[in-house]
Amino acid sequence: MKYDTPGIKYDLPGVTYDNPALFPLTYIYGGNMAQDQTKKLDPKVIAADITSLQALTAITGYTPANPACALPALNTVQTAMTAAQALETQKQADADAARDAAVKAEWAFHNAMLAAKD
């Protein structure tokens, strides 16, 4: 079976891959690991991760080889994420309020200067 990759940015016209596991982007980007960790994730990705965590809690006897993937560790990471998101939301609201106050003060100053020029 041949697998073509039309529409992929790195696709070469006419090139097909006999094995989808050898798709070159897997090697370029390292598989399923996150790439640019300085950009926010799509909320759909976060929602899918939360759904996956909820599904893991339903698995009886879930004991991963990696202790970082154990339920208590995953719950701790999720709690930290939720707290950081809440802090970000509050800080953004504070910044928005400060900007509104600055705009109001700028307009007051500008209007006062217009009156002084008259």
N, C-alpha and C. Protein backbone atom coordinates (compact mmCIF):
# COMPACT_ATOMS: atom_id res chain seq x y z
N MET A 1 0.85 -1.18 0.00
CA MET A 1 0.00 0.00 0.00
C MET A 1 0.89 1.23 0.00
N LYS A 2 0.55 2.22 -0.79
CA LYS A 2 1.32 3.45 -0.88
C LYS A 2 0.61 4.55 -0.11
N TYR A 3 1.35 5.35 0.61
CA TYR A 3 0.81 6.48 1.35
C TYR A 3 1.39 7.75 0.76
N ASP A 4 0.55 8.58 0.17
CA ASP A 4 1.00 9.85 -0.37
C ASP A 4 0.67 10.93 0.67
N THR A 5 1.37 12.01 0.61
CA THR A 5 1.17 13.07 1.60
C THR A 5 0.81 14.38 0.91
N PRO A 6 -0.28 14.44 0.16
CA PRO A 6 -0.62 15.70 -0.50
C PRO A 6 -1.00 16.78 0.51
N GLY A 7 -0.61 18.01 0.19
CA GLY A 7 -0.99 19.13 1.03
C GLY A 7 -0.06 19.37 2.20
N ILE A 8 0.86 18.47 2.46
CA ILE A 8 1.80 18.67 3.54
C ILE A 8 2.86 19.67 3.07
N LYS A 9 3.22 20.59 3.93
CA LYS A 9 4.16 21.65 3.58
C LYS A 9 5.49 21.09 3.07
N TYR A 10 5.94 19.99 3.65
CA TYR A 10 7.23 19.43 3.30
C TYR A 10 7.12 18.30 2.28
N ASP A 11 5.96 18.16 1.64
CA ASP A 11 5.73 17.08 0.69
C ASP A 11 6.54 17.31 -0.59
N LEU A 12 7.05 16.25 -1.14
CA LEU A 12 7.74 16.31 -2.42
C LEU A 12 6.81 15.69 -3.46
N PRO A 13 6.52 16.41 -4.54
CA PRO A 13 5.57 15.88 -5.53
C PRO A 13 5.99 14.51 -6.04
N GLY A 14 5.03 13.59 -6.05
CA GLY A 14 5.28 12.27 -6.59
C GLY A 14 5.95 11.31 -5.63
N VAL A 15 6.36 11.77 -4.45
CA VAL A 15 7.04 10.90 -3.49
C VAL A 15 5.98 10.19 -2.67
N THR A 16 6.09 8.88 -2.57
CA THR A 16 5.19 8.11 -1.73
C THR A 16 6.02 7.34 -0.71
N TYR A 17 5.37 6.92 0.35
CA TYR A 17 6.05 6.19 1.41
C TYR A 17 5.37 4.85 1.58
N ASP A 18 6.15 3.78 1.54
CA ASP A 18 5.59 2.44 1.67
C ASP A 18 5.12 2.17 3.10
N ASN A 19 5.73 2.81 4.04
CA ASN A 19 5.41 2.55 5.43
C ASN A 19 5.09 3.88 6.11
N PRO A 20 3.86 4.08 6.62
CA PRO A 20 3.55 5.37 7.24
C PRO A 20 4.37 5.65 8.48
N ALA A 21 4.96 4.62 9.08
CA ALA A 21 5.80 4.83 10.25
C ALA A 21 7.09 5.55 9.87
N LEU A 22 7.46 5.51 8.60
CA LEU A 22 8.69 6.17 8.15
C LEU A 22 8.41 7.55 7.58
N PHE A 23 7.25 8.10 7.86
CA PHE A 23 6.91 9.43 7.39
C PHE A 23 7.98 10.41 7.88
N PRO A 24 8.59 11.18 7.01
CA PRO A 24 9.76 11.97 7.39
C PRO A 24 9.50 13.00 8.48
N LEU A 25 8.29 13.53 8.61
CA LEU A 25 8.06 14.53 9.64
C LEU A 25 8.23 13.96 11.04
N THR A 26 8.05 12.64 11.18
CA THR A 26 8.27 12.01 12.47
C THR A 26 9.71 12.20 12.90
N TYR A 27 10.62 12.08 11.97
CA TYR A 27 12.04 12.25 12.29
C TYR A 27 12.39 13.71 12.47
N ILE A 28 11.82 14.59 11.67
CA ILE A 28 12.13 16.01 11.78
C ILE A 28 11.63 16.57 13.11
N TYR A 29 10.41 16.22 13.49
CA TYR A 29 9.80 16.83 14.66
C TYR A 29 9.82 15.94 15.89
N GLY A 30 10.38 14.77 15.83
CA GLY A 30 10.51 13.94 17.02
C GLY A 30 9.24 13.23 17.44
N GLY A 31 8.39 12.90 16.53
CA GLY A 31 7.20 12.12 16.88
C GLY A 31 6.11 12.97 17.49
N ASN A 32 5.55 12.51 18.61
CA ASN A 32 4.40 13.18 19.19
C ASN A 32 4.75 14.13 20.32
N MET A 33 5.99 14.50 20.46
CA MET A 33 6.39 15.44 21.51
C MET A 33 6.00 16.86 21.10
N ALA A 34 5.76 17.70 22.09
CA ALA A 34 5.43 19.10 21.83
C ALA A 34 6.63 19.78 21.18
N GLN A 35 6.36 20.73 20.30
CA GLN A 35 7.43 21.36 19.56
C GLN A 35 7.83 22.71 20.15
N ASP A 36 7.06 23.74 19.87
CA ASP A 36 7.39 25.07 20.35
C ASP A 36 6.67 25.30 21.67
N GLN A 37 7.38 25.09 22.75
CA GLN A 37 6.77 25.16 24.07
C GLN A 37 6.72 26.58 24.62
N THR A 38 6.93 27.58 23.74
CA THR A 38 6.77 28.96 24.16
C THR A 38 5.42 29.52 23.72
N LYS A 39 4.67 28.75 22.95
CA LYS A 39 3.36 29.19 22.47
C LYS A 39 2.26 28.44 23.20
N LYS A 40 1.14 29.13 23.41
CA LYS A 40 0.01 28.50 24.09
C LYS A 40 -0.56 27.37 23.24
N LEU A 41 -1.02 26.36 23.92
CA LEU A 41 -1.68 25.25 23.24
C LEU A 41 -3.10 25.63 22.86
N ASP A 42 -3.59 25.00 21.83
CA ASP A 42 -4.98 25.16 21.42
C ASP A 42 -5.87 24.63 22.54
N PRO A 43 -6.93 25.35 22.91
CA PRO A 43 -7.82 24.87 23.97
C PRO A 43 -8.39 23.47 23.70
N LYS A 44 -8.52 23.10 22.42
CA LYS A 44 -9.01 21.76 22.10
C LYS A 44 -8.01 20.70 22.54
N VAL A 45 -6.73 21.01 22.46
CA VAL A 45 -5.69 20.07 22.90
C VAL A 45 -5.76 19.89 24.40
N ILE A 46 -5.90 21.00 25.12
CA ILE A 46 -6.01 20.94 26.58
C ILE A 46 -7.25 20.14 26.98
N ALA A 47 -8.37 20.40 26.31
CA ALA A 47 -9.60 19.67 26.61
C ALA A 47 -9.43 18.17 26.36
N ALA A 48 -8.73 17.83 25.28
CA ALA A 48 -8.48 16.41 24.99
C ALA A 48 -7.59 15.79 26.06
N ASP A 49 -6.59 16.55 26.53
CA ASP A 49 -5.72 16.04 27.60
C ASP A 49 -6.50 15.81 28.89
N ILE A 50 -7.40 16.73 29.21
CA ILE A 50 -8.21 16.57 30.42
C ILE A 50 -9.12 15.35 30.29
N THR A 51 -9.69 15.17 29.11
CA THR A 51 -10.54 13.99 28.87
C THR A 51 -9.71 12.71 29.02
N SER A 52 -8.49 12.73 28.52
CA SER A 52 -7.61 11.56 28.65
C SER A 52 -7.28 11.27 30.11
N LEU A 53 -7.03 12.33 30.87
CA LEU A 53 -6.75 12.13 32.30
C LEU A 53 -7.95 11.54 33.01
N GLN A 54 -9.13 12.03 32.67
CA GLN A 54 -10.35 11.48 33.27
C GLN A 54 -10.53 10.00 32.90
N ALA A 55 -10.17 9.66 31.68
CA ALA A 55 -10.27 8.27 31.25
C ALA A 55 -9.27 7.40 32.00
N LEU A 56 -8.08 7.94 32.27
CA LEU A 56 -7.08 7.18 33.02
C LEU A 56 -7.56 6.86 34.43
N THR A 57 -8.30 7.78 35.02
CA THR A 57 -8.78 7.52 36.39
C THR A 57 -9.77 6.37 36.43
N ALA A 58 -10.38 6.06 35.30
CA ALA A 58 -11.35 4.95 35.25
C ALA A 58 -10.67 3.60 35.07
N ILE A 59 -9.40 3.60 34.76
CA ILE A 59 -8.67 2.34 34.55
C ILE A 59 -8.22 1.82 35.91
N THR A 60 -8.75 0.69 36.31
CA THR A 60 -8.35 0.11 37.59
C THR A 60 -6.99 -0.55 37.43
N GLY A 61 -6.16 -0.34 38.41
CA GLY A 61 -4.83 -0.94 38.39
C GLY A 61 -3.85 -0.24 37.47
N TYR A 62 -4.13 1.01 37.11
CA TYR A 62 -3.22 1.76 36.22
C TYR A 62 -1.95 2.08 36.99
N THR A 63 -0.86 1.42 36.60
CA THR A 63 0.44 1.67 37.22
C THR A 63 1.49 1.78 36.12
N PRO A 64 1.78 3.00 35.67
CA PRO A 64 2.74 3.18 34.59
C PRO A 64 4.17 2.93 35.06
N ALA A 65 5.04 2.60 34.12
CA ALA A 65 6.45 2.40 34.45
C ALA A 65 7.11 3.72 34.84
N ASN A 66 6.66 4.81 34.22
CA ASN A 66 7.20 6.13 34.51
C ASN A 66 6.39 6.75 35.65
N PRO A 67 7.01 7.02 36.80
CA PRO A 67 6.26 7.57 37.93
C PRO A 67 5.68 8.96 37.63
N ALA A 68 6.24 9.66 36.68
CA ALA A 68 5.71 10.98 36.30
C ALA A 68 4.35 10.85 35.62
N CYS A 69 4.01 9.65 35.18
CA CYS A 69 2.72 9.41 34.52
C CYS A 69 1.70 8.78 35.46
N ALA A 70 2.05 8.64 36.72
CA ALA A 70 1.10 8.10 37.70
C ALA A 70 0.01 9.13 37.96
N LEU A 71 -1.15 8.68 38.36
CA LEU A 71 -2.30 9.58 38.55
C LEU A 71 -2.03 10.73 39.53
N PRO A 72 -1.39 10.47 40.68
CA PRO A 72 -1.13 11.61 41.58
C PRO A 72 -0.24 12.68 40.93
N ALA A 73 0.75 12.25 40.18
CA ALA A 73 1.64 13.20 39.50
C ALA A 73 0.89 13.97 38.41
N LEU A 74 0.06 13.27 37.64
CA LEU A 74 -0.71 13.92 36.59
C LEU A 74 -1.72 14.90 37.18
N ASN A 75 -2.34 14.53 38.29
CA ASN A 75 -3.28 15.43 38.96
C ASN A 75 -2.58 16.68 39.48
N THR A 76 -1.35 16.51 39.99
CA THR A 76 -0.58 17.65 40.47
C THR A 76 -0.25 18.61 39.33
N VAL A 77 0.15 18.04 38.19
CA VAL A 77 0.48 18.88 37.03
C VAL A 77 -0.77 19.60 36.52
N GLN A 78 -1.90 18.91 36.51
CA GLN A 78 -3.15 19.55 36.06
C GLN A 78 -3.55 20.67 37.02
N THR A 79 -3.40 20.45 38.31
CA THR A 79 -3.73 21.48 39.29
C THR A 79 -2.84 22.70 39.12
N ALA A 80 -1.56 22.47 38.87
CA ALA A 80 -0.63 23.58 38.63
C ALA A 80 -1.01 24.35 37.37
N MET A 81 -1.42 23.62 36.32
CA MET A 81 -1.84 24.27 35.08
C MET A 81 -3.07 25.13 35.32
N THR A 82 -4.05 24.58 36.04
CA THR A 82 -5.28 25.32 36.30
C THR A 82 -5.00 26.58 37.12
N ALA A 83 -4.11 26.47 38.11
CA ALA A 83 -3.76 27.64 38.93
C ALA A 83 -3.04 28.69 38.08
N ALA A 84 -2.14 28.26 37.20
CA ALA A 84 -1.42 29.20 36.33
C ALA A 84 -2.37 29.88 35.35
N GLN A 85 -3.34 29.14 34.84
CA GLN A 85 -4.32 29.73 33.93
C GLN A 85 -5.19 30.76 34.66
N ALA A 86 -5.57 30.46 35.90
CA ALA A 86 -6.38 31.39 36.68
C ALA A 86 -5.59 32.67 36.97
N LEU A 87 -4.31 32.51 37.31
CA LEU A 87 -3.46 33.67 37.56
C LEU A 87 -3.29 34.50 36.30
N GLU A 88 -3.11 33.83 35.16
CA GLU A 88 -2.99 34.54 33.89
C GLU A 88 -4.25 35.35 33.59
N THR A 89 -5.40 34.74 33.81
CA THR A 89 -6.67 35.43 33.57
C THR A 89 -6.80 36.66 34.47
N GLN A 90 -6.44 36.53 35.74
CA GLN A 90 -6.52 37.66 36.67
C GLN A 90 -5.55 38.76 36.27
N LYS A 91 -4.32 38.38 35.92
CA LYS A 91 -3.32 39.38 35.52
C LYS A 91 -3.74 40.09 34.24
N GLN A 92 -4.36 39.36 33.31
CA GLN A 92 -4.84 39.98 32.08
C GLN A 92 -5.96 40.97 32.38
N ALA A 93 -6.85 40.61 33.31
CA ALA A 93 -7.92 41.53 33.71
C ALA A 93 -7.33 42.78 34.37
N ASP A 94 -6.30 42.59 35.21
CA ASP A 94 -5.63 43.73 35.84
C ASP A 94 -4.97 44.63 34.78
N ALA A 95 -4.32 44.01 33.80
CA ALA A 95 -3.68 44.78 32.74
C ALA A 95 -4.71 45.53 31.91
N ASP A 96 -5.84 44.89 31.63
CA ASP A 96 -6.91 45.55 30.88
C ASP A 96 -7.45 46.75 31.65
N ALA A 97 -7.63 46.59 32.97
CA ALA A 97 -8.13 47.68 33.79
C ALA A 97 -7.12 48.83 33.84
N ALA A 98 -5.83 48.50 33.94
CA ALA A 98 -4.80 49.53 33.95
C ALA A 98 -4.76 50.27 32.62
N ARG A 99 -4.93 49.54 31.53
CA ARG A 99 -4.95 50.18 30.22
C ARG A 99 -6.15 51.11 30.10
N ASP A 100 -7.32 50.67 30.57
CA ASP A 100 -8.51 51.52 30.53
C ASP A 100 -8.30 52.80 31.32
N ALA A 101 -7.66 52.69 32.50
CA ALA A 101 -7.39 53.87 33.32
C ALA A 101 -6.41 54.81 32.61
N ALA A 102 -5.39 54.23 31.96
CA ALA A 102 -4.41 55.05 31.24
C ALA A 102 -5.07 55.77 30.06
N VAL A 103 -5.94 55.08 29.34
CA VAL A 103 -6.64 55.70 28.21
C VAL A 103 -7.51 56.85 28.70
N LYS A 104 -8.21 56.63 29.81
CA LYS A 104 -9.06 57.68 30.37
C LYS A 104 -8.23 58.89 30.76
N ALA A 105 -7.08 58.65 31.41
CA ALA A 105 -6.19 59.75 31.82
C ALA A 105 -5.61 60.48 30.61
N GLU A 106 -5.25 59.72 29.56
CA GLU A 106 -4.71 60.35 28.34
C GLU A 106 -5.75 61.28 27.71
N TRP A 107 -7.00 60.79 27.64
CA TRP A 107 -8.05 61.62 27.04
C TRP A 107 -8.34 62.86 27.89
N ALA A 108 -8.30 62.70 29.21
CA ALA A 108 -8.51 63.86 30.09
C ALA A 108 -7.42 64.89 29.86
N PHE A 109 -6.17 64.42 29.75
CA PHE A 109 -5.06 65.34 29.51
C PHE A 109 -5.20 65.99 28.14
N HIS A 110 -5.51 65.20 27.12
CA HIS A 110 -5.65 65.73 25.76
C HIS A 110 -6.77 66.77 25.69
N ASN A 111 -7.91 66.46 26.29
CA ASN A 111 -9.02 67.41 26.28
C ASN A 111 -8.68 68.69 27.04
N ALA A 112 -7.93 68.55 28.14
CA ALA A 112 -7.50 69.73 28.88
C ALA A 112 -6.56 70.59 28.03
N MET A 113 -5.66 69.92 27.30
CA MET A 113 -4.74 70.68 26.43
C MET A 113 -5.48 71.35 25.29
N LEU A 114 -6.51 70.69 24.74
CA LEU A 114 -7.32 71.33 23.68
C LEU A 114 -8.02 72.57 24.23
N ALA A 115 -8.53 72.47 25.45
CA ALA A 115 -9.21 73.61 26.07
C ALA A 115 -8.22 74.75 26.32
N ALA A 116 -6.99 74.39 26.76
CA ALA A 116 -5.97 75.41 27.01
C ALA A 116 -5.56 76.11 25.70
N LYS A 117 -5.53 75.39 24.60
CA LYS A 117 -5.14 75.97 23.31
C LYS A 117 -6.20 76.95 22.81
N ASP A 118 -7.44 76.69 23.17
CA ASP A 118 -8.53 77.61 22.75
C ASP A 118 -8.36 78.92 23.47
